[in-house]
Amino acid sequence: MRDNVDIFRKVYRKFSSKKNLLQTTVEAYKFDINEYLKFLKGKNIDILDTDENIFNEYFSNIEKKL
């Protein structure tokens, strides 16, 4: 399994470097991505192996928590 944390860091740095994003927006993205990575880790799924079905399952889990 690839290192999902490294991928997350790259995405976070990309968002952080955007000058037109508020820090609160960047932190919200960070939180959301981190939650998604936890979901993938719990299912033992590599982030690069995700597809529409996995996204749908993740969002379905979020809806159940609301």
N, C-alpha and C. Protein backbone atom coordinates (compact mmCIF):
# COMPACT_ATOMS: atom_id res chain seq x y z
N MET A 1 0.85 -1.19 0.00
CA MET A 1 0.00 0.00 0.00
C MET A 1 0.89 1.24 0.00
N ARG A 2 0.57 2.17 -0.86
CA ARG A 2 1.33 3.42 -0.93
C ARG A 2 1.15 4.21 0.35
N ASP A 3 2.01 5.18 0.55
CA ASP A 3 1.92 5.96 1.77
C ASP A 3 0.89 7.07 1.59
N ASN A 4 -0.31 6.82 2.09
CA ASN A 4 -1.40 7.79 1.98
C ASN A 4 -1.06 9.10 2.66
N VAL A 5 -0.26 9.05 3.72
CA VAL A 5 0.11 10.26 4.44
C VAL A 5 0.93 11.19 3.55
N ASP A 6 1.84 10.63 2.76
CA ASP A 6 2.63 11.46 1.85
C ASP A 6 1.74 12.14 0.82
N ILE A 7 0.77 11.42 0.32
CA ILE A 7 -0.16 12.00 -0.65
C ILE A 7 -0.96 13.11 0.02
N PHE A 8 -1.42 12.85 1.23
CA PHE A 8 -2.16 13.86 1.98
C PHE A 8 -1.32 15.12 2.17
N ARG A 9 -0.07 14.96 2.54
CA ARG A 9 0.81 16.12 2.75
C ARG A 9 0.96 16.94 1.47
N LYS A 10 1.09 16.27 0.34
CA LYS A 10 1.21 16.98 -0.93
C LYS A 10 -0.05 17.78 -1.22
N VAL A 11 -1.20 17.17 -1.00
CA VAL A 11 -2.47 17.87 -1.23
C VAL A 11 -2.60 19.05 -0.28
N TYR A 12 -2.27 18.84 0.99
CA TYR A 12 -2.37 19.91 1.99
C TYR A 12 -1.45 21.07 1.63
N ARG A 13 -0.22 20.78 1.21
CA ARG A 13 0.70 21.85 0.81
C ARG A 13 0.15 22.62 -0.38
N LYS A 14 -0.47 21.90 -1.30
CA LYS A 14 -1.05 22.56 -2.48
C LYS A 14 -2.14 23.53 -2.05
N PHE A 15 -3.05 23.09 -1.17
CA PHE A 15 -4.09 23.97 -0.67
C PHE A 15 -3.50 25.13 0.12
N SER A 16 -2.51 24.85 0.94
CA SER A 16 -1.92 25.88 1.80
C SER A 16 -1.24 26.97 0.99
N SER A 17 -0.75 26.62 -0.19
CA SER A 17 -0.04 27.60 -1.01
C SER A 17 -0.99 28.50 -1.81
N LYS A 18 -2.26 28.16 -1.85
CA LYS A 18 -3.22 28.99 -2.57
C LYS A 18 -3.47 30.27 -1.78
N LYS A 19 -3.17 31.39 -2.39
CA LYS A 19 -3.27 32.67 -1.69
C LYS A 19 -4.70 33.14 -1.49
N ASN A 20 -5.62 32.64 -2.30
CA ASN A 20 -6.99 33.13 -2.21
C ASN A 20 -7.87 32.28 -1.28
N LEU A 21 -7.28 31.32 -0.57
CA LEU A 21 -8.05 30.50 0.36
C LEU A 21 -7.84 30.99 1.79
N LEU A 22 -8.91 31.09 2.53
CA LEU A 22 -8.80 31.43 3.94
C LEU A 22 -8.18 30.26 4.69
N GLN A 23 -7.48 30.56 5.76
CA GLN A 23 -6.87 29.50 6.57
C GLN A 23 -7.93 28.55 7.11
N THR A 24 -9.11 29.08 7.44
CA THR A 24 -10.18 28.21 7.94
C THR A 24 -10.63 27.22 6.87
N THR A 25 -10.61 27.65 5.62
CA THR A 25 -10.96 26.76 4.51
C THR A 25 -9.91 25.66 4.38
N VAL A 26 -8.65 26.04 4.44
CA VAL A 26 -7.57 25.07 4.35
C VAL A 26 -7.67 24.06 5.48
N GLU A 27 -7.95 24.53 6.69
CA GLU A 27 -8.08 23.63 7.84
C GLU A 27 -9.29 22.70 7.68
N ALA A 28 -10.37 23.21 7.11
CA ALA A 28 -11.54 22.36 6.87
C ALA A 28 -11.21 21.27 5.85
N TYR A 29 -10.50 21.65 4.78
CA TYR A 29 -10.07 20.65 3.80
C TYR A 29 -9.18 19.61 4.47
N LYS A 30 -8.27 20.07 5.31
CA LYS A 30 -7.36 19.17 6.01
C LYS A 30 -8.15 18.16 6.85
N PHE A 31 -9.13 18.66 7.58
CA PHE A 31 -9.95 17.79 8.41
C PHE A 31 -10.69 16.76 7.55
N ASP A 32 -11.32 17.23 6.48
CA ASP A 32 -12.10 16.33 5.62
C ASP A 32 -11.23 15.25 4.97
N ILE A 33 -10.08 15.66 4.48
CA ILE A 33 -9.18 14.69 3.85
C ILE A 33 -8.68 13.69 4.87
N ASN A 34 -8.36 14.18 6.07
CA ASN A 34 -7.89 13.30 7.13
C ASN A 34 -8.97 12.27 7.51
N GLU A 35 -10.22 12.69 7.57
CA GLU A 35 -11.32 11.77 7.86
C GLU A 35 -11.46 10.72 6.76
N TYR A 36 -11.30 11.14 5.52
CA TYR A 36 -11.38 10.20 4.40
C TYR A 36 -10.24 9.18 4.48
N LEU A 37 -9.04 9.66 4.82
CA LEU A 37 -7.91 8.74 4.95
C LEU A 37 -8.13 7.74 6.08
N LYS A 38 -8.75 8.16 7.17
CA LYS A 38 -9.07 7.24 8.26
C LYS A 38 -10.04 6.16 7.78
N PHE A 39 -11.02 6.58 7.00
CA PHE A 39 -11.98 5.64 6.43
C PHE A 39 -11.26 4.61 5.56
N LEU A 40 -10.38 5.10 4.68
CA LEU A 40 -9.65 4.20 3.80
C LEU A 40 -8.76 3.25 4.59
N LYS A 41 -8.09 3.77 5.60
CA LYS A 41 -7.22 2.93 6.42
C LYS A 41 -8.03 1.83 7.11
N GLY A 42 -9.20 2.19 7.61
CA GLY A 42 -10.06 1.20 8.26
C GLY A 42 -10.50 0.10 7.32
N LYS A 43 -10.57 0.41 6.04
CA LYS A 43 -10.97 -0.58 5.03
C LYS A 43 -9.76 -1.20 4.33
N ASN A 44 -8.55 -0.75 4.72
CA ASN A 44 -7.31 -1.21 4.10
C ASN A 44 -7.32 -0.96 2.58
N ILE A 45 -7.70 0.27 2.21
CA ILE A 45 -7.77 0.67 0.81
C ILE A 45 -6.75 1.77 0.57
N ASP A 46 -5.96 1.63 -0.46
CA ASP A 46 -5.01 2.66 -0.84
C ASP A 46 -5.76 3.82 -1.50
N ILE A 47 -5.35 5.02 -1.20
CA ILE A 47 -6.04 6.20 -1.74
C ILE A 47 -6.06 6.19 -3.27
N LEU A 48 -5.02 5.67 -3.87
CA LEU A 48 -4.96 5.65 -5.34
C LEU A 48 -5.81 4.54 -5.95
N ASP A 49 -6.36 3.69 -5.11
CA ASP A 49 -7.25 2.62 -5.58
C ASP A 49 -8.72 2.96 -5.39
N THR A 50 -9.01 4.17 -4.97
CA THR A 50 -10.40 4.54 -4.73
C THR A 50 -11.13 4.74 -6.05
N ASP A 51 -12.43 4.54 -5.99
CA ASP A 51 -13.28 4.75 -7.15
C ASP A 51 -14.62 5.31 -6.69
N GLU A 52 -15.53 5.44 -7.61
CA GLU A 52 -16.84 6.03 -7.29
C GLU A 52 -17.58 5.23 -6.21
N ASN A 53 -17.48 3.92 -6.25
CA ASN A 53 -18.16 3.10 -5.24
C ASN A 53 -17.63 3.36 -3.84
N ILE A 54 -16.32 3.52 -3.72
CA ILE A 54 -15.72 3.79 -2.41
C ILE A 54 -16.13 5.18 -1.93
N PHE A 55 -16.13 6.17 -2.82
CA PHE A 55 -16.60 7.51 -2.44
C PHE A 55 -18.05 7.45 -1.96
N ASN A 56 -18.88 6.73 -2.70
CA ASN A 56 -20.29 6.63 -2.32
C ASN A 56 -20.46 5.97 -0.96
N GLU A 57 -19.67 4.94 -0.69
CA GLU A 57 -19.73 4.28 0.62
C GLU A 57 -19.30 5.25 1.72
N TYR A 58 -18.25 6.01 1.47
CA TYR A 58 -17.77 6.99 2.45
C TYR A 58 -18.85 8.03 2.75
N PHE A 59 -19.43 8.60 1.70
CA PHE A 59 -20.45 9.64 1.91
C PHE A 59 -21.71 9.06 2.54
N SER A 60 -22.02 7.82 2.24
CA SER A 60 -23.15 7.15 2.89
C SER A 60 -22.90 7.03 4.39
N ASN A 61 -21.67 6.69 4.76
CA ASN A 61 -21.31 6.61 6.18
C ASN A 61 -21.43 7.97 6.86
N ILE A 62 -21.05 9.02 6.17
CA ILE A 62 -21.17 10.37 6.74
C ILE A 62 -22.64 10.71 6.97
N GLU A 63 -23.48 10.41 5.98
CA GLU A 63 -24.92 10.70 6.11
C GLU A 63 -25.53 9.97 7.30
N LYS A 64 -25.09 8.74 7.55
CA LYS A 64 -25.62 7.97 8.68
C LYS A 64 -25.26 8.61 10.01
N LYS A 65 -24.14 9.32 10.06
CA LYS A 65 -23.70 9.96 11.30
C LYS A 65 -24.45 11.26 11.58
N LEU A 66 -25.09 11.83 10.56
CA LEU A 66 -25.79 13.11 10.74
C LEU A 66 -27.11 12.95 11.44
